[in-house]
N, C-alpha and C. Protein backbone atom coordinates (compact mmCIF):
# COMPACT_ATOMS: atom_id res chain seq x y z
N MET A 1 29.82 23.20 41.97
CA MET A 1 29.34 21.89 41.57
C MET A 1 28.14 21.48 42.40
N LYS A 2 28.15 21.84 43.66
CA LYS A 2 27.04 21.52 44.54
C LYS A 2 25.76 22.21 44.07
N THR A 3 25.88 23.44 43.61
CA THR A 3 24.73 24.20 43.13
C THR A 3 24.13 23.53 41.89
N CYS A 4 24.97 23.06 40.99
CA CYS A 4 24.48 22.38 39.78
C CYS A 4 23.73 21.11 40.14
N THR A 5 24.23 20.35 41.10
CA THR A 5 23.57 19.12 41.52
C THR A 5 22.22 19.42 42.13
N LEU A 6 22.15 20.43 42.99
CA LEU A 6 20.87 20.81 43.61
C LEU A 6 19.89 21.30 42.56
N LEU A 7 20.39 22.06 41.61
CA LEU A 7 19.54 22.56 40.54
C LEU A 7 18.99 21.40 39.70
N ALA A 8 19.82 20.42 39.39
CA ALA A 8 19.38 19.26 38.63
C ALA A 8 18.32 18.47 39.38
N ILE A 9 18.50 18.32 40.69
CA ILE A 9 17.52 17.61 41.51
C ILE A 9 16.20 18.37 41.53
N ALA A 10 16.24 19.68 41.67
CA ALA A 10 15.03 20.50 41.70
C ALA A 10 14.29 20.41 40.37
N ILE A 11 15.03 20.47 39.28
CA ILE A 11 14.40 20.36 37.96
C ILE A 11 13.75 19.00 37.78
N SER A 12 14.40 17.95 38.23
CA SER A 12 13.84 16.60 38.14
C SER A 12 12.56 16.48 38.93
N ILE A 13 12.53 17.05 40.12
CA ILE A 13 11.33 16.99 40.96
C ILE A 13 10.19 17.76 40.30
N LEU A 14 10.49 18.97 39.82
CA LEU A 14 9.46 19.78 39.17
C LEU A 14 8.95 19.11 37.89
N ALA A 15 9.83 18.49 37.15
CA ALA A 15 9.42 17.79 35.93
C ALA A 15 8.49 16.63 36.28
N GLY A 16 8.75 15.98 37.38
CA GLY A 16 7.87 14.90 37.83
C GLY A 16 6.48 15.39 38.13
N PHE A 17 6.37 16.56 38.74
CA PHE A 17 5.05 17.14 39.02
C PHE A 17 4.35 17.58 37.74
N ALA A 18 5.11 18.07 36.81
CA ALA A 18 4.51 18.59 35.59
C ALA A 18 4.05 17.49 34.64
N TYR A 19 4.75 16.36 34.61
CA TYR A 19 4.48 15.34 33.61
C TYR A 19 3.88 14.05 34.16
N GLY A 20 3.48 14.00 35.36
CA GLY A 20 2.88 12.78 35.88
C GLY A 20 2.36 13.00 37.28
N ASP A 21 1.57 12.07 37.73
CA ASP A 21 1.09 12.19 39.10
C ASP A 21 1.98 11.36 40.01
N SER A 22 1.69 11.40 41.28
CA SER A 22 2.57 10.75 42.25
C SER A 22 2.61 9.23 42.09
N ASP A 23 1.60 8.64 41.44
CA ASP A 23 1.57 7.19 41.23
C ASP A 23 2.24 6.77 39.92
N ASN A 24 2.73 7.75 39.17
CA ASN A 24 3.34 7.51 37.86
C ASN A 24 2.39 6.79 36.91
N ASN A 25 1.10 7.08 37.01
CA ASN A 25 0.11 6.49 36.10
C ASN A 25 0.14 7.22 34.76
N VAL A 26 -0.07 6.48 33.72
CA VAL A 26 -0.18 7.06 32.39
C VAL A 26 -1.66 7.15 32.06
N HIS A 27 -2.08 8.30 31.60
CA HIS A 27 -3.48 8.51 31.24
C HIS A 27 -3.59 8.60 29.73
N SER A 28 -4.62 8.01 29.19
CA SER A 28 -4.81 8.08 27.75
C SER A 28 -6.30 8.16 27.44
N ILE A 29 -6.58 8.51 26.20
CA ILE A 29 -7.96 8.55 25.73
C ILE A 29 -8.05 7.70 24.47
N SER A 30 -9.24 7.26 24.15
CA SER A 30 -9.47 6.51 22.93
C SER A 30 -10.31 7.36 22.00
N LEU A 31 -9.83 7.53 20.79
CA LEU A 31 -10.57 8.29 19.79
C LEU A 31 -11.33 7.33 18.89
N PRO A 32 -12.50 7.73 18.42
CA PRO A 32 -13.26 6.85 17.54
C PRO A 32 -12.57 6.73 16.18
N VAL A 33 -12.73 5.59 15.55
CA VAL A 33 -12.21 5.38 14.21
C VAL A 33 -13.26 5.88 13.23
N VAL A 34 -12.86 6.77 12.35
CA VAL A 34 -13.77 7.31 11.35
C VAL A 34 -13.29 6.84 9.99
N HIS A 35 -14.15 6.08 9.32
CA HIS A 35 -13.80 5.57 8.00
C HIS A 35 -14.50 6.41 6.94
N ILE A 36 -13.71 7.03 6.08
CA ILE A 36 -14.25 7.85 5.00
C ILE A 36 -14.33 6.98 3.75
N GLU A 37 -15.47 6.98 3.12
CA GLU A 37 -15.68 6.21 1.90
C GLU A 37 -15.77 7.18 0.72
N LEU A 38 -14.97 6.94 -0.30
CA LEU A 38 -15.07 7.75 -1.50
C LEU A 38 -16.34 7.38 -2.27
N LYS A 39 -16.82 8.32 -3.05
CA LYS A 39 -18.01 8.07 -3.87
C LYS A 39 -17.71 6.99 -4.90
N ALA A 40 -18.75 6.21 -5.21
CA ALA A 40 -18.61 5.17 -6.23
C ALA A 40 -18.41 5.83 -7.59
N GLY A 41 -17.60 5.21 -8.40
CA GLY A 41 -17.39 5.74 -9.74
C GLY A 41 -16.19 5.06 -10.38
N GLU A 42 -16.09 5.19 -11.69
CA GLU A 42 -14.98 4.59 -12.41
C GLU A 42 -13.67 5.25 -11.98
N GLY A 43 -12.74 4.45 -11.50
CA GLY A 43 -11.46 4.95 -11.04
C GLY A 43 -11.35 5.06 -9.53
N LYS A 44 -12.44 4.74 -8.81
CA LYS A 44 -12.43 4.83 -7.35
C LYS A 44 -11.34 3.94 -6.74
N GLY A 45 -11.28 2.70 -7.17
CA GLY A 45 -10.32 1.76 -6.61
C GLY A 45 -8.88 2.21 -6.79
N LYS A 46 -8.56 2.65 -8.00
CA LYS A 46 -7.21 3.13 -8.30
C LYS A 46 -6.90 4.37 -7.46
N THR A 47 -7.88 5.26 -7.34
CA THR A 47 -7.70 6.49 -6.55
C THR A 47 -7.46 6.16 -5.09
N GLU A 48 -8.29 5.28 -4.52
CA GLU A 48 -8.10 4.88 -3.12
C GLU A 48 -6.73 4.25 -2.90
N THR A 49 -6.39 3.33 -3.77
CA THR A 49 -5.14 2.59 -3.61
C THR A 49 -3.92 3.49 -3.72
N LEU A 50 -3.85 4.28 -4.77
CA LEU A 50 -2.65 5.08 -5.02
C LEU A 50 -2.57 6.32 -4.13
N CYS A 51 -3.68 6.97 -3.89
CA CYS A 51 -3.64 8.19 -3.06
C CYS A 51 -3.39 7.86 -1.59
N SER A 52 -3.91 6.73 -1.14
CA SER A 52 -3.75 6.38 0.27
C SER A 52 -2.36 5.85 0.60
N ILE A 53 -1.50 5.73 -0.39
CA ILE A 53 -0.10 5.40 -0.11
C ILE A 53 0.51 6.51 0.75
N CYS A 54 0.12 7.75 0.48
CA CYS A 54 0.71 8.90 1.17
C CYS A 54 -0.21 9.57 2.19
N HIS A 55 -1.51 9.50 1.98
CA HIS A 55 -2.43 10.19 2.89
C HIS A 55 -3.79 9.49 2.89
N SER A 56 -4.60 9.80 3.88
CA SER A 56 -5.93 9.20 3.94
C SER A 56 -6.82 9.85 2.89
N VAL A 57 -7.86 9.14 2.50
CA VAL A 57 -8.74 9.64 1.44
C VAL A 57 -9.62 10.80 1.91
N ASP A 58 -9.67 11.05 3.22
CA ASP A 58 -10.47 12.19 3.67
C ASP A 58 -9.89 13.50 3.16
N TYR A 59 -8.61 13.53 2.80
CA TYR A 59 -8.04 14.73 2.19
C TYR A 59 -8.72 15.03 0.86
N ILE A 60 -9.15 14.01 0.16
CA ILE A 60 -9.85 14.20 -1.11
C ILE A 60 -11.23 14.80 -0.85
N THR A 61 -11.94 14.24 0.10
CA THR A 61 -13.31 14.68 0.36
C THR A 61 -13.38 16.07 0.97
N MET A 62 -12.29 16.54 1.55
CA MET A 62 -12.27 17.87 2.18
C MET A 62 -11.92 18.99 1.20
N GLN A 63 -11.51 18.63 -0.01
CA GLN A 63 -11.11 19.64 -0.99
C GLN A 63 -12.34 20.35 -1.54
N PRO A 64 -12.16 21.59 -1.98
CA PRO A 64 -13.28 22.26 -2.67
C PRO A 64 -13.53 21.56 -4.00
N LYS A 65 -14.70 21.76 -4.55
CA LYS A 65 -15.02 21.17 -5.85
C LYS A 65 -14.22 21.91 -6.91
N LEU A 66 -13.25 21.21 -7.48
CA LEU A 66 -12.36 21.83 -8.46
C LEU A 66 -12.76 21.45 -9.88
N ALA A 67 -12.45 22.31 -10.81
CA ALA A 67 -12.61 22.01 -12.23
C ALA A 67 -11.47 21.08 -12.63
N ARG A 68 -11.52 20.57 -13.86
CA ARG A 68 -10.49 19.64 -14.33
C ARG A 68 -9.08 20.20 -14.15
N ALA A 69 -8.87 21.45 -14.47
CA ALA A 69 -7.53 22.05 -14.35
C ALA A 69 -7.05 22.01 -12.90
N GLY A 70 -7.94 22.24 -11.97
CA GLY A 70 -7.58 22.22 -10.56
C GLY A 70 -7.21 20.83 -10.08
N TRP A 71 -8.04 19.84 -10.43
CA TRP A 71 -7.73 18.46 -10.02
C TRP A 71 -6.46 17.95 -10.71
N SER A 72 -6.28 18.31 -11.97
CA SER A 72 -5.07 17.90 -12.68
C SER A 72 -3.83 18.50 -12.01
N ALA A 73 -3.92 19.75 -11.60
CA ALA A 73 -2.81 20.40 -10.91
C ALA A 73 -2.53 19.71 -9.57
N GLU A 74 -3.57 19.33 -8.85
CA GLU A 74 -3.39 18.65 -7.56
C GLU A 74 -2.72 17.29 -7.74
N VAL A 75 -3.20 16.52 -8.71
CA VAL A 75 -2.61 15.20 -8.96
C VAL A 75 -1.15 15.35 -9.39
N ASN A 76 -0.88 16.29 -10.29
CA ASN A 76 0.50 16.51 -10.74
C ASN A 76 1.40 17.00 -9.61
N LYS A 77 0.86 17.81 -8.72
CA LYS A 77 1.65 18.26 -7.56
C LYS A 77 2.01 17.07 -6.67
N MET A 78 1.06 16.17 -6.47
CA MET A 78 1.34 14.99 -5.64
C MET A 78 2.46 14.15 -6.26
N ILE A 79 2.49 14.09 -7.59
CA ILE A 79 3.51 13.29 -8.28
C ILE A 79 4.86 14.02 -8.30
N ARG A 80 4.85 15.25 -8.79
CA ARG A 80 6.11 15.97 -9.03
C ARG A 80 6.72 16.57 -7.76
N VAL A 81 5.89 17.10 -6.89
CA VAL A 81 6.41 17.77 -5.69
C VAL A 81 6.52 16.80 -4.51
N MET A 82 5.47 16.01 -4.30
CA MET A 82 5.44 15.13 -3.14
C MET A 82 6.02 13.75 -3.41
N GLY A 83 6.25 13.42 -4.67
CA GLY A 83 6.90 12.16 -5.01
C GLY A 83 5.98 10.95 -5.04
N ALA A 84 4.70 11.15 -5.25
CA ALA A 84 3.77 10.02 -5.32
C ALA A 84 4.14 9.11 -6.49
N PRO A 85 4.19 7.80 -6.24
CA PRO A 85 4.59 6.85 -7.29
C PRO A 85 3.43 6.50 -8.22
N ILE A 86 3.02 7.47 -9.02
CA ILE A 86 1.86 7.31 -9.89
C ILE A 86 2.29 7.57 -11.32
N GLY A 87 2.00 6.60 -12.19
CA GLY A 87 2.32 6.73 -13.61
C GLY A 87 1.35 7.64 -14.33
N GLU A 88 1.69 7.96 -15.57
CA GLU A 88 0.90 8.90 -16.37
C GLU A 88 -0.54 8.41 -16.59
N GLU A 89 -0.69 7.13 -16.94
CA GLU A 89 -2.03 6.58 -17.20
C GLU A 89 -2.88 6.56 -15.92
N ASP A 90 -2.26 6.18 -14.80
CA ASP A 90 -2.98 6.19 -13.52
C ASP A 90 -3.35 7.61 -13.10
N ALA A 91 -2.47 8.56 -13.38
CA ALA A 91 -2.76 9.96 -13.05
C ALA A 91 -4.00 10.44 -13.81
N LYS A 92 -4.11 10.01 -15.07
CA LYS A 92 -5.29 10.38 -15.86
C LYS A 92 -6.54 9.74 -15.28
N THR A 93 -6.45 8.47 -14.90
CA THR A 93 -7.60 7.78 -14.29
C THR A 93 -8.03 8.48 -13.00
N ILE A 94 -7.08 8.83 -12.17
CA ILE A 94 -7.38 9.50 -10.90
C ILE A 94 -8.01 10.87 -11.17
N THR A 95 -7.41 11.62 -12.07
CA THR A 95 -7.95 12.95 -12.40
C THR A 95 -9.37 12.84 -12.94
N ASP A 96 -9.61 11.90 -13.84
CA ASP A 96 -10.96 11.71 -14.39
C ASP A 96 -11.95 11.38 -13.28
N TYR A 97 -11.55 10.50 -12.36
CA TYR A 97 -12.43 10.14 -11.25
C TYR A 97 -12.72 11.35 -10.38
N LEU A 98 -11.69 12.11 -10.02
CA LEU A 98 -11.89 13.27 -9.14
C LEU A 98 -12.77 14.32 -9.79
N VAL A 99 -12.60 14.53 -11.08
CA VAL A 99 -13.44 15.49 -11.80
C VAL A 99 -14.89 15.02 -11.81
N ALA A 100 -15.09 13.73 -12.10
CA ALA A 100 -16.46 13.20 -12.19
C ALA A 100 -17.17 13.21 -10.85
N GLU A 101 -16.46 12.85 -9.77
CA GLU A 101 -17.13 12.67 -8.48
C GLU A 101 -16.96 13.84 -7.52
N TYR A 102 -15.90 14.62 -7.67
CA TYR A 102 -15.62 15.71 -6.73
C TYR A 102 -15.33 17.03 -7.46
N GLY A 103 -15.67 17.07 -8.74
CA GLY A 103 -15.38 18.26 -9.54
C GLY A 103 -16.46 19.31 -9.43
N ALA A 104 -16.16 20.46 -9.98
CA ALA A 104 -17.08 21.61 -9.93
C ALA A 104 -18.42 21.28 -10.58
N GLN A 105 -18.43 20.39 -11.55
CA GLN A 105 -19.66 20.03 -12.24
C GLN A 105 -20.28 18.72 -11.76
N ALA A 106 -19.70 18.11 -10.70
CA ALA A 106 -20.22 16.83 -10.20
C ALA A 106 -21.66 17.01 -9.73
N SER A 107 -22.50 16.06 -10.11
CA SER A 107 -23.93 16.16 -9.78
C SER A 107 -24.24 15.68 -8.36
N ARG A 108 -23.36 14.94 -7.73
CA ARG A 108 -23.65 14.41 -6.39
C ARG A 108 -23.03 15.24 -5.32
């Protein structure tokens, strides 16, 4: 029992060295806030509102330029697999927006 107590004390001391300094100060950093703006277009508001329920919109801007079938598959995956609360009409609006602004044929 004495060995277990000494071992516990040693582990506590070593943990103190590993996870903090002798003054028990907490160190932190501040990261800049980066706001991603989706491209203007019909359906932008609905896309921002509904997609950002689950994730930030930068996930949209980081995707490759997909054709309609690709964006439709992504939107349907978010609904069926991930459980996004998006109705059929809103899914069409979002898909149309993504194709127009971030699709393979998008001009911008």
